[in-house]
Amino acid sequence: MTIDRICSLIQGNLVAGDVECDIVGFYAGDFLSYVLVNAPLGCAWLTVVNNVNVAAVAVKRGIKAVIICGGVAPDEGLISACASHNVALVTTELPIFECAAALG
């Protein structure tokens, strides 16, 4: 699934990264250390955490996209880090559960 398709399903906005990025699965979670160990490679990660550490976890784990849910606005450090590491960053007003359901 492409980021463009994901954005259309969740009424999302691409903030950083590549719209043509190919996503192979999804993972939802807010504990960074747990995501670092358990998220599937090449997935899109659904979270409400919005700081630069999210980008570091995404890069280290091979996560291709981060979806910030619940109307949470990503901070500038996260936007910049995602852009520099080509991690797609998407925002949506949907809560995590509703976002996952729309993608499922």
PDB file of N, CA and C in Angstrom:
ATOM      1  N   MET A   1       0.850  -1.175   0.000  1.00  0.00           N
ATOM      2  CA  MET A   1       0.000   0.000   0.000  1.00  0.00           C
ATOM      3  C   MET A   1       0.896   1.239   0.000  1.00  0.00           C
ATOM      4  N   THR A   2       0.523   2.234  -0.763  1.00  0.00           N
ATOM      5  CA  THR A   2       1.307   3.472  -0.811  1.00  0.00           C
ATOM      6  C   THR A   2       0.819   4.469   0.244  1.00  0.00           C
ATOM      7  N   ILE A   3       1.659   5.427   0.534  1.00  0.00           N
ATOM      8  CA  ILE A   3       1.295   6.492   1.472  1.00  0.00           C
ATOM      9  C   ILE A   3       0.104   7.278   0.941  1.00  0.00           C
ATOM     10  N   ASP A   4       0.065   7.475  -0.350  1.00  0.00           N
ATOM     11  CA  ASP A   4      -1.056   8.180  -0.959  1.00  0.00           C
ATOM     12  C   ASP A   4      -2.375   7.468  -0.656  1.00  0.00           C
ATOM     13  N   ARG A   5      -2.394   6.153  -0.784  1.00  0.00           N
ATOM     14  CA  ARG A   5      -3.591   5.356  -0.497  1.00  0.00           C
ATOM     15  C   ARG A   5      -3.930   5.422   1.001  1.00  0.00           C
ATOM     16  N   ILE A   6      -2.923   5.312   1.842  1.00  0.00           N
ATOM     17  CA  ILE A   6      -3.131   5.396   3.288  1.00  0.00           C
ATOM     18  C   ILE A   6      -3.777   6.735   3.646  1.00  0.00           C
ATOM     19  N   CYS A   7      -3.232   7.815   3.106  1.00  0.00           N
ATOM     20  CA  CYS A   7      -3.784   9.146   3.393  1.00  0.00           C
ATOM     21  C   CYS A   7      -5.243   9.243   2.982  1.00  0.00           C
ATOM     22  N   SER A   8      -5.598   8.640   1.868  1.00  0.00           N
ATOM     23  CA  SER A   8      -6.996   8.707   1.437  1.00  0.00           C
ATOM     24  C   SER A   8      -7.905   7.903   2.358  1.00  0.00           C
ATOM     25  N   LEU A   9      -7.417   6.799   2.897  1.00  0.00           N
ATOM     26  CA  LEU A   9      -8.237   5.963   3.786  1.00  0.00           C
ATOM     27  C   LEU A   9      -8.456   6.584   5.160  1.00  0.00           C
ATOM     28  N   ILE A  10      -7.481   7.350   5.638  1.00  0.00           N
ATOM     29  CA  ILE A  10      -7.553   7.883   7.012  1.00  0.00           C
ATOM     30  C   ILE A  10      -7.692   9.407   7.045  1.00  0.00           C
ATOM     31  N   GLN A  11      -7.970  10.010   5.899  1.00  0.00           N
ATOM     32  CA  GLN A  11      -8.029  11.470   5.795  1.00  0.00           C
ATOM     33  C   GLN A  11      -6.751  12.077   6.372  1.00  0.00           C
ATOM     34  N   GLY A  12      -5.617  11.500   5.965  1.00  0.00           N
ATOM     35  CA  GLY A  12      -4.325  11.910   6.493  1.00  0.00           C
ATOM     36  C   GLY A  12      -3.640  12.964   5.656  1.00  0.00           C
ATOM     37  N   ASN A  13      -2.677  13.613   6.268  1.00  0.00           N
ATOM     38  CA  ASN A  13      -1.859  14.630   5.596  1.00  0.00           C
ATOM     39  C   ASN A  13      -0.401  14.213   5.660  1.00  0.00           C
ATOM     40  N   LEU A  14       0.253  14.143   4.505  1.00  0.00           N
ATOM     41  CA  LEU A  14       1.680  13.832   4.459  1.00  0.00           C
ATOM     42  C   LEU A  14       2.457  15.075   4.876  1.00  0.00           C
ATOM     43  N   VAL A  15       3.252  14.947   5.926  1.00  0.00           N
ATOM     44  CA  VAL A  15       4.023  16.066   6.461  1.00  0.00           C
ATOM     45  C   VAL A  15       5.472  15.997   5.994  1.00  0.00           C
ATOM     46  N   ALA A  16       6.002  14.789   5.826  1.00  0.00           N
ATOM     47  CA  ALA A  16       7.385  14.588   5.382  1.00  0.00           C
ATOM     48  C   ALA A  16       7.477  13.221   4.706  1.00  0.00           C
ATOM     49  N   GLY A  17       8.460  13.071   3.856  1.00  0.00           N
ATOM     50  CA  GLY A  17       8.727  11.774   3.249  1.00  0.00           C
ATOM     51  C   GLY A  17       8.109  11.584   1.881  1.00  0.00           C
ATOM     52  N   ASP A  18       8.164  10.354   1.417  1.00  0.00           N
ATOM     53  CA  ASP A  18       7.820   9.976   0.054  1.00  0.00           C
ATOM     54  C   ASP A  18       6.409   9.421  -0.040  1.00  0.00           C
ATOM     55  N   VAL A  19       5.572  10.018  -0.873  1.00  0.00           N
ATOM     56  CA  VAL A  19       4.192   9.576  -1.058  1.00  0.00           C
ATOM     57  C   VAL A  19       4.126   8.214  -1.759  1.00  0.00           C
ATOM     58  N   GLU A  20       5.150   7.846  -2.498  1.00  0.00           N
ATOM     59  CA  GLU A  20       5.162   6.577  -3.231  1.00  0.00           C
ATOM     60  C   GLU A  20       5.762   5.424  -2.417  1.00  0.00           C
ATOM     61  N   CYS A  21       6.151   5.674  -1.208  1.00  0.00           N
ATOM     62  CA  CYS A  21       6.713   4.663  -0.325  1.00  0.00           C
ATOM     63  C   CYS A  21       5.769   3.463  -0.224  1.00  0.00           C
ATOM     64  N   ASP A  22       6.294   2.253  -0.321  1.00  0.00           N
ATOM     65  CA  ASP A  22       5.481   1.041  -0.290  1.00  0.00           C
ATOM     66  C   ASP A  22       5.456   0.452   1.125  1.00  0.00           C
ATOM     67  N   ILE A  23       4.290   0.392   1.726  1.00  0.00           N
ATOM     68  CA  ILE A  23       4.105  -0.094   3.096  1.00  0.00           C
ATOM     69  C   ILE A  23       3.646  -1.547   3.056  1.00  0.00           C
ATOM     70  N   VAL A  24       4.274  -2.390   3.884  1.00  0.00           N
ATOM     71  CA  VAL A  24       3.965  -3.821   3.871  1.00  0.00           C
ATOM     72  C   VAL A  24       3.131  -4.292   5.057  1.00  0.00           C
ATOM     73  N   GLY A  25       2.805  -3.414   5.983  1.00  0.00           N
ATOM     74  CA  GLY A  25       2.004  -3.788   7.148  1.00  0.00           C
ATOM     75  C   GLY A  25       1.857  -2.607   8.075  1.00  0.00           C
ATOM     76  N   PHE A  26       1.220  -2.833   9.208  1.00  0.00           N
ATOM     77  CA  PHE A  26       0.965  -1.758  10.167  1.00  0.00           C
ATOM     78  C   PHE A  26       1.280  -2.238  11.574  1.00  0.00           C
ATOM     79  N   TYR A  27       1.616  -1.275  12.435  1.00  0.00           N
ATOM     80  CA  TYR A  27       1.896  -1.575  13.837  1.00  0.00           C
ATOM     81  C   TYR A  27       1.432  -0.391  14.665  1.00  0.00           C
ATOM     82  N   ALA A  28       0.741  -0.642  15.762  1.00  0.00           N
ATOM     83  CA  ALA A  28       0.273   0.420  16.651  1.00  0.00           C
ATOM     84  C   ALA A  28       0.914   0.258  18.020  1.00  0.00           C
ATOM     85  N   GLY A  29       1.447   1.346  18.547  1.00  0.00           N
ATOM     86  CA  GLY A  29       2.035   1.305  19.873  1.00  0.00           C
ATOM     87  C   GLY A  29       2.708   2.608  20.222  1.00  0.00           C
ATOM     88  N   ASP A  30       2.822   2.860  21.530  1.00  0.00           N
ATOM     89  CA  ASP A  30       3.417   4.105  22.004  1.00  0.00           C
ATOM     90  C   ASP A  30       4.668   3.897  22.863  1.00  0.00           C
ATOM     91  N   PHE A  31       4.962   2.674  23.259  1.00  0.00           N
ATOM     92  CA  PHE A  31       6.185   2.412  24.024  1.00  0.00           C
ATOM     93  C   PHE A  31       7.323   2.211  23.038  1.00  0.00           C
ATOM     94  N   LEU A  32       8.223   3.183  22.960  1.00  0.00           N
ATOM     95  CA  LEU A  32       9.260   3.173  21.937  1.00  0.00           C
ATOM     96  C   LEU A  32      10.123   1.923  21.979  1.00  0.00           C
ATOM     97  N   SER A  33      10.498   1.469  23.163  1.00  0.00           N
ATOM     98  CA  SER A  33      11.349   0.284  23.256  1.00  0.00           C
ATOM     99  C   SER A  33      10.621  -0.967  22.765  1.00  0.00           C
ATOM    100  N   TYR A  34       9.329  -1.040  22.979  1.00  0.00           N
ATOM    101  CA  TYR A  34       8.535  -2.178  22.513  1.00  0.00           C
ATOM    102  C   TYR A  34       8.408  -2.145  20.988  1.00  0.00           C
ATOM    103  N   VAL A  35       8.192  -0.976  20.438  1.00  0.00           N
ATOM    104  CA  VAL A  35       8.105  -0.816  18.983  1.00  0.00           C
ATOM    105  C   VAL A  35       9.442  -1.196  18.347  1.00  0.00           C
ATOM    106  N   LEU A  36      10.526  -0.776  18.949  1.00  0.00           N
ATOM    107  CA  LEU A  36      11.867  -1.050  18.433  1.00  0.00           C
ATOM    108  C   LEU A  36      12.128  -2.539  18.280  1.00  0.00           C
ATOM    109  N   VAL A  37      11.543  -3.343  19.132  1.00  0.00           N
ATOM    110  CA  VAL A  37      11.757  -4.789  19.097  1.00  0.00           C
ATOM    111  C   VAL A  37      10.707  -5.519  18.267  1.00  0.00           C
ATOM    112  N   ASN A  38       9.488  -5.019  18.231  1.00  0.00           N
ATOM    113  CA  ASN A  38       8.375  -5.798  17.685  1.00  0.00           C
ATOM    114  C   ASN A  38       7.760  -5.332  16.376  1.00  0.00           C
ATOM    115  N   ALA A  39       7.959  -4.108  15.971  1.00  0.00           N
ATOM    116  CA  ALA A  39       7.325  -3.624  14.741  1.00  0.00           C
ATOM    117  C   ALA A  39       7.895  -4.351  13.525  1.00  0.00           C
ATOM    118  N   PRO A  40       7.027  -4.738  12.586  1.00  0.00           N
ATOM    119  CA  PRO A  40       7.520  -5.405  11.374  1.00  0.00           C
ATOM    120  C   PRO A  40       8.338  -4.448  10.504  1.00  0.00           C
ATOM    121  N   LEU A  41       9.360  -4.970   9.879  1.00  0.00           N
ATOM    122  CA  LEU A  41      10.159  -4.162   8.966  1.00  0.00           C
ATOM    123  C   LEU A  41       9.287  -3.697   7.801  1.00  0.00           C
ATOM    124  N   GLY A  42       9.470  -2.461   7.398  1.00  0.00           N
ATOM    125  CA  GLY A  42       8.746  -1.914   6.262  1.00  0.00           C
ATOM    126  C   GLY A  42       7.317  -1.495   6.544  1.00  0.00           C
ATOM    127  N   CYS A  43       6.959  -1.432   7.819  1.00  0.00           N
ATOM    128  CA  CYS A  43       5.566  -1.122   8.180  1.00  0.00           C
ATOM    129  C   CYS A  43       5.335   0.375   8.319  1.00  0.00           C
ATOM    130  N   ALA A  44       4.064   0.711   8.535  1.00  0.00           N
ATOM    131  CA  ALA A  44       3.670   2.045   8.975  1.00  0.00           C
ATOM    132  C   ALA A  44       3.298   1.916  10.455  1.00  0.00           C
ATOM    133  N   TRP A  45       3.789   2.826  11.262  1.00  0.00           N
ATOM    134  CA  TRP A  45       3.611   2.788  12.716  1.00  0.00           C
ATOM    135  C   TRP A  45       2.592   3.836  13.120  1.00  0.00           C
ATOM    136  N   LEU A  46       1.551   3.399  13.806  1.00  0.00           N
ATOM    137  CA  LEU A  46       0.497   4.284  14.322  1.00  0.00           C
ATOM    138  C   LEU A  46       0.806   4.615  15.774  1.00  0.00           C
ATOM    139  N   THR A  47       0.848   5.904  16.100  1.00  0.00           N
ATOM    140  CA  THR A  47       1.207   6.327  17.450  1.00  0.00           C
ATOM    141  C   THR A  47       0.655   7.723  17.734  1.00  0.00           C
ATOM    142  N   VAL A  48       0.722   8.141  18.984  1.00  0.00           N
ATOM    143  CA  VAL A  48       0.429   9.522  19.356  1.00  0.00           C
ATOM    144  C   VAL A  48       1.681  10.223  19.882  1.00  0.00           C
ATOM    145  N   VAL A  49       2.795   9.515  19.943  1.00  0.00           N
ATOM    146  CA  VAL A  49       4.053  10.099  20.396  1.00  0.00           C
ATOM    147  C   VAL A  49       4.565  11.025  19.296  1.00  0.00           C
ATOM    148  N   ASN A  50       5.030  12.196  19.671  1.00  0.00           N
ATOM    149  CA  ASN A  50       5.350  13.201  18.653  1.00  0.00           C
ATOM    150  C   ASN A  50       6.689  13.888  18.868  1.00  0.00           C
ATOM    151  N   ASN A  51       7.710  13.152  19.264  1.00  0.00           N
ATOM    152  CA  ASN A  51       9.013  13.789  19.418  1.00  0.00           C
ATOM    153  C   ASN A  51      10.054  13.111  18.537  1.00  0.00           C
ATOM    154  N   VAL A  52      11.235  13.679  18.496  1.00  0.00           N
ATOM    155  CA  VAL A  52      12.292  13.232  17.589  1.00  0.00           C
ATOM    156  C   VAL A  52      12.692  11.773  17.812  1.00  0.00           C
ATOM    157  N   ASN A  53      12.475  11.241  19.004  1.00  0.00           N
ATOM    158  CA  ASN A  53      12.825   9.843  19.271  1.00  0.00           C
ATOM    159  C   ASN A  53      12.025   8.864  18.410  1.00  0.00           C
ATOM    160  N   VAL A  54      10.846   9.268  17.984  1.00  0.00           N
ATOM    161  CA  VAL A  54      10.031   8.438  17.098  1.00  0.00           C
ATOM    162  C   VAL A  54      10.780   8.202  15.786  1.00  0.00           C
ATOM    163  N   ALA A  55      11.377   9.229  15.239  1.00  0.00           N
ATOM    164  CA  ALA A  55      12.139   9.080  13.996  1.00  0.00           C
ATOM    165  C   ALA A  55      13.333   8.156  14.199  1.00  0.00           C
ATOM    166  N   ALA A  56      14.007   8.280  15.328  1.00  0.00           N
ATOM    167  CA  ALA A  56      15.159   7.418  15.605  1.00  0.00           C
ATOM    168  C   ALA A  56      14.746   5.949  15.660  1.00  0.00           C
ATOM    169  N   VAL A  57      13.632   5.659  16.316  1.00  0.00           N
ATOM    170  CA  VAL A  57      13.133   4.287  16.394  1.00  0.00           C
ATOM    171  C   VAL A  57      12.747   3.793  15.000  1.00  0.00           C
ATOM    172  N   ALA A  58      12.071   4.640  14.229  1.00  0.00           N
ATOM    173  CA  ALA A  58      11.656   4.251  12.875  1.00  0.00           C
ATOM    174  C   ALA A  58      12.860   3.901  12.010  1.00  0.00           C
ATOM    175  N   VAL A  59      13.887   4.718  12.046  1.00  0.00           N
ATOM    176  CA  VAL A  59      15.083   4.473  11.246  1.00  0.00           C
ATOM    177  C   VAL A  59      15.787   3.200  11.707  1.00  0.00           C
ATOM    178  N   LYS A  60      15.967   3.063  12.998  1.00  0.00           N
ATOM    179  CA  LYS A  60      16.680   1.894  13.549  1.00  0.00           C
ATOM    180  C   LYS A  60      15.944   0.597  13.230  1.00  0.00           C
ATOM    181  N   ARG A  61      14.609   0.607  13.260  1.00  0.00           N
ATOM    182  CA  ARG A  61      13.816  -0.604  13.059  1.00  0.00           C
ATOM    183  C   ARG A  61      13.467  -0.853  11.589  1.00  0.00           C
ATOM    184  N   GLY A  62      13.666   0.109  10.731  1.00  0.00           N
ATOM    185  CA  GLY A  62      13.304  -0.069   9.330  1.00  0.00           C
ATOM    186  C   GLY A  62      11.830   0.172   9.066  1.00  0.00           C
ATOM    187  N   ILE A  63      11.229   1.033   9.875  1.00  0.00           N
ATOM    188  CA  ILE A  63       9.832   1.424   9.698  1.00  0.00           C
ATOM    189  C   ILE A  63       9.798   2.489   8.612  1.00  0.00           C
ATOM    190  N   LYS A  64       8.935   2.321   7.623  1.00  0.00           N
ATOM    191  CA  LYS A  64       8.919   3.239   6.483  1.00  0.00           C
ATOM    192  C   LYS A  64       8.057   4.471   6.689  1.00  0.00           C
ATOM    193  N   ALA A  65       7.076   4.392   7.595  1.00  0.00           N
ATOM    194  CA  ALA A  65       6.177   5.528   7.794  1.00  0.00           C
ATOM    195  C   ALA A  65       5.714   5.585   9.237  1.00  0.00           C
ATOM    196  N   VAL A  66       5.485   6.795   9.701  1.00  0.00           N
ATOM    197  CA  VAL A  66       4.916   7.035  11.023  1.00  0.00           C
ATOM    198  C   VAL A  66       3.611   7.790  10.810  1.00  0.00           C
ATOM    199  N   ILE A  67       2.546   7.298  11.424  1.00  0.00           N
ATOM    200  CA  ILE A  67       1.246   7.960  11.357  1.00  0.00           C
ATOM    201  C   ILE A  67       0.927   8.480  12.755  1.00  0.00           C
ATOM    202  N   ILE A  68       0.924   9.796  12.904  1.00  0.00           N
ATOM    203  CA  ILE A  68       0.602  10.418  14.183  1.00  0.00           C
ATOM    204  C   ILE A  68      -0.917  10.584  14.231  1.00  0.00           C
ATOM    205  N   CYS A  69      -1.542   9.906  15.165  1.00  0.00           N
ATOM    206  CA  CYS A  69      -3.009   9.834  15.240  1.00  0.00           C
ATOM    207  C   CYS A  69      -3.581  10.810  16.271  1.00  0.00           C
ATOM    208  N   GLY A  70      -4.895  10.913  16.272  1.00  0.00           N
ATOM    209  CA  GLY A  70      -5.608  11.670  17.291  1.00  0.00           C
ATOM    210  C   GLY A  70      -5.487  13.172  17.192  1.00  0.00           C
ATOM    211  N   GLY A  71      -5.090  13.677  16.035  1.00  0.00           N
ATOM    212  CA  GLY A  71      -4.946  15.118  15.884  1.00  0.00           C
ATOM    213  C   GLY A  71      -3.716  15.697  16.563  1.00  0.00           C
ATOM    214  N   VAL A  72      -2.803  14.846  17.003  1.00  0.00           N
ATOM    215  CA  VAL A  72      -1.577  15.305  17.652  1.00  0.00           C
ATOM    216  C   VAL A  72      -0.665  15.905  16.583  1.00  0.00           C
ATOM    217  N   ALA A  73      -0.152  17.090  16.841  1.00  0.00           N
ATOM    218  CA  ALA A  73       0.731  17.762  15.889  1.00  0.00           C
ATOM    219  C   ALA A  73       2.183  17.358  16.146  1.00  0.00           C
ATOM    220  N   PRO A  74       2.878  16.866  15.119  1.00  0.00           N
ATOM    221  CA  PRO A  74       4.285  16.496  15.315  1.00  0.00           C
ATOM    222  C   PRO A  74       5.147  17.724  15.552  1.00  0.00           C
ATOM    223  N   ASP A  75       6.136  17.593  16.420  1.00  0.00           N
ATOM    224  CA  ASP A  75       7.015  18.734  16.658  1.00  0.00           C
ATOM    225  C   ASP A  75       8.018  18.884  15.509  1.00  0.00           C
ATOM    226  N   GLU A  76       8.655  20.031  15.456  1.00  0.00           N
ATOM    227  CA  GLU A  76       9.567  20.341  14.342  1.00  0.00           C
ATOM    228  C   GLU A  76      10.743  19.374  14.273  1.00  0.00           C
ATOM    229  N   GLY A  77      11.224  18.919  15.417  1.00  0.00           N
ATOM    230  CA  GLY A  77      12.334  17.967  15.425  1.00  0.00           C
ATOM    231  C   GLY A  77      11.958  16.655  14.752  1.00  0.00           C
ATOM    232  N   LEU A  78      10.749  16.185  14.999  1.00  0.00           N
ATOM    233  CA  LEU A  78      10.274  14.949  14.371  1.00  0.00           C
ATOM    234  C   LEU A  78      10.105  15.140  12.869  1.00  0.00           C
ATOM    235  N   ILE A  79       9.512  16.245  12.465  1.00  0.00           N
ATOM    236  CA  ILE A  79       9.320  16.518  11.037  1.00  0.00           C
ATOM    237  C   ILE A  79      10.673  16.548  10.321  1.00  0.00           C
ATOM    238  N   SER A  80      11.609  17.265  10.885  1.00  0.00           N
ATOM    239  CA  SER A  80      12.938  17.398  10.284  1.00  0.00           C
ATOM    240  C   SER A  80      13.665  16.056  10.209  1.00  0.00           C
ATOM    241  N   ALA A  81      13.614  15.279  11.292  1.00  0.00           N
ATOM    242  CA  ALA A  81      14.298  13.985  11.314  1.00  0.00           C
ATOM    243  C   ALA A  81      13.683  13.015  10.317  1.00  0.00           C
ATOM    244  N   CYS A  82      12.363  12.989  10.224  1.00  0.00           N
ATOM    245  CA  CYS A  82      11.706  12.111   9.249  1.00  0.00           C
ATOM    246  C   CYS A  82      12.080  12.527   7.828  1.00  0.00           C
ATOM    247  N   ALA A  83      12.079  13.810   7.555  1.00  0.00           N
ATOM    248  CA  ALA A  83      12.435  14.300   6.226  1.00  0.00           C
ATOM    249  C   ALA A  83      13.870  13.929   5.872  1.00  0.00           C
ATOM    250  N   SER A  84      14.784  14.078   6.808  1.00  0.00           N
ATOM    251  CA  SER A  84      16.198  13.809   6.510  1.00  0.00           C
ATOM    252  C   SER A  84      16.501  12.319   6.366  1.00  0.00           C
ATOM    253  N   HIS A  85      15.666  11.461   6.955  1.00  0.00           N
ATOM    254  CA  HIS A  85      15.883  10.011   6.854  1.00  0.00           C
ATOM    255  C   HIS A  85      14.884   9.340   5.915  1.00  0.00           C
ATOM    256  N   ASN A  86      14.110  10.136   5.189  1.00  0.00           N
ATOM    257  CA  ASN A  86      13.108   9.658   4.233  1.00  0.00           C
ATOM    258  C   ASN A  86      12.115   8.674   4.860  1.00  0.00           C
ATOM    259  N   VAL A  87      11.684   8.997   6.059  1.00  0.00           N
ATOM    260  CA  VAL A  87      10.596   8.266   6.713  1.00  0.00           C
ATOM    261  C   VAL A  87       9.339   9.095   6.480  1.00  0.00           C
ATOM    262  N   ALA A  88       8.330   8.484   5.875  1.00  0.00           N
ATOM    263  CA  ALA A  88       7.086   9.222   5.637  1.00  0.00           C
ATOM    264  C   ALA A  88       6.435   9.546   6.986  1.00  0.00           C
ATOM    265  N   LEU A  89       5.954  10.766   7.119  1.00  0.00           N
ATOM    266  CA  LEU A  89       5.284  11.209   8.338  1.00  0.00           C
ATOM    267  C   LEU A  89       3.902  11.714   7.951  1.00  0.00           C
ATOM    268  N   VAL A  90       2.885  11.071   8.500  1.00  0.00           N
ATOM    269  CA  VAL A  90       1.495  11.377   8.181  1.00  0.00           C
ATOM    270  C   VAL A  90       0.772  11.743   9.470  1.00  0.00           C
ATOM    271  N   THR A  91      -0.125  12.717   9.395  1.00  0.00           N
ATOM    272  CA  THR A  91      -0.973  13.045  10.533  1.00  0.00           C
ATOM    273  C   THR A  91      -2.427  12.764  10.182  1.00  0.00           C
ATOM    274  N   THR A  92      -3.200  12.408  11.198  1.00  0.00           N
ATOM    275  CA  THR A  92      -4.632  12.193  11.026  1.00  0.00           C
ATOM    276  C   THR A  92      -5.356  12.594  12.301  1.00  0.00           C
ATOM    277  N   GLU A  93      -6.580  13.008  12.146  1.00  0.00           N
ATOM    278  CA  GLU A  93      -7.425  13.333  13.292  1.00  0.00           C
ATOM    279  C   GLU A  93      -7.985  12.070  13.941  1.00  0.00           C
ATOM    280  N   LEU A  94      -7.959  10.955  13.227  1.00  0.00           N
ATOM    281  CA  LEU A  94      -8.543   9.717  13.758  1.00  0.00           C
ATOM    282  C   LEU A  94      -7.768   9.203  14.968  1.00  0.00           C
ATOM    283  N   PRO A  95      -8.465   8.698  15.990  1.00  0.00           N
ATOM    284  CA  PRO A  95      -7.783   8.006  17.088  1.00  0.00           C
ATOM    285  C   PRO A  95      -7.109   6.743  16.548  1.00  0.00           C
ATOM    286  N   ILE A  96      -6.150   6.207  17.273  1.00  0.00           N
ATOM    287  CA  ILE A  96      -5.392   5.051  16.812  1.00  0.00           C
ATOM    288  C   ILE A  96      -6.315   3.891  16.421  1.00  0.00           C
ATOM    289  N   PHE A  97      -7.286   3.561  17.237  1.00  0.00           N
ATOM    290  CA  PHE A  97      -8.160   2.417  16.955  1.00  0.00           C
ATOM    291  C   PHE A  97      -8.924   2.628  15.648  1.00  0.00           C
ATOM    292  N   GLU A  98      -9.499   3.802  15.479  1.00  0.00           N
ATOM    293  CA  GLU A  98     -10.242   4.086  14.246  1.00  0.00           C
ATOM    294  C   GLU A  98      -9.342   4.124  13.029  1.00  0.00           C
ATOM    295  N   CYS A  99      -8.144   4.611  13.203  1.00  0.00           N
ATOM    296  CA  CYS A  99      -7.166   4.637  12.112  1.00  0.00           C
ATOM    297  C   CYS A  99      -6.829   3.197  11.700  1.00  0.00           C
ATOM    298  N   ALA A 100      -6.552   2.353  12.678  1.00  0.00           N
ATOM    299  CA  ALA A 100      -6.234   0.952  12.381  1.00  0.00           C
ATOM    300  C   ALA A 100      -7.395   0.267  11.687  1.00  0.00           C
ATOM    301  N   ALA A 101      -8.613   0.534  12.135  1.00  0.00           N
ATOM    302  CA  ALA A 101      -9.783  -0.071  11.512  1.00  0.00           C
ATOM    303  C   ALA A 101      -9.938   0.379  10.058  1.00  0.00           C
ATOM    304  N   ALA A 102      -9.666   1.637   9.784  1.00  0.00           N
ATOM    305  CA  ALA A 102      -9.778   2.157   8.414  1.00  0.00           C
ATOM    306  C   ALA A 102      -8.725   1.542   7.504  1.00  0.00           C
ATOM    307  N   LEU A 103      -7.584   1.176   8.065  1.00  0.00           N
ATOM    308  CA  LEU A 103      -6.497   0.601   7.270  1.00  0.00           C
ATOM    309  C   LEU A 103      -6.608  -0.917   7.124  1.00  0.00           C
ATOM    310  N   GLY A 104      -7.395  -1.525   8.030  1.00  0.00           N
ATOM    311  CA  GLY A 104      -7.487  -2.979   8.100  1.00  0.00           C
ATOM    312  C   GLY A 104      -8.351  -3.579   7.075  1.00  0.00           C
TER     313      GLY A 104
END
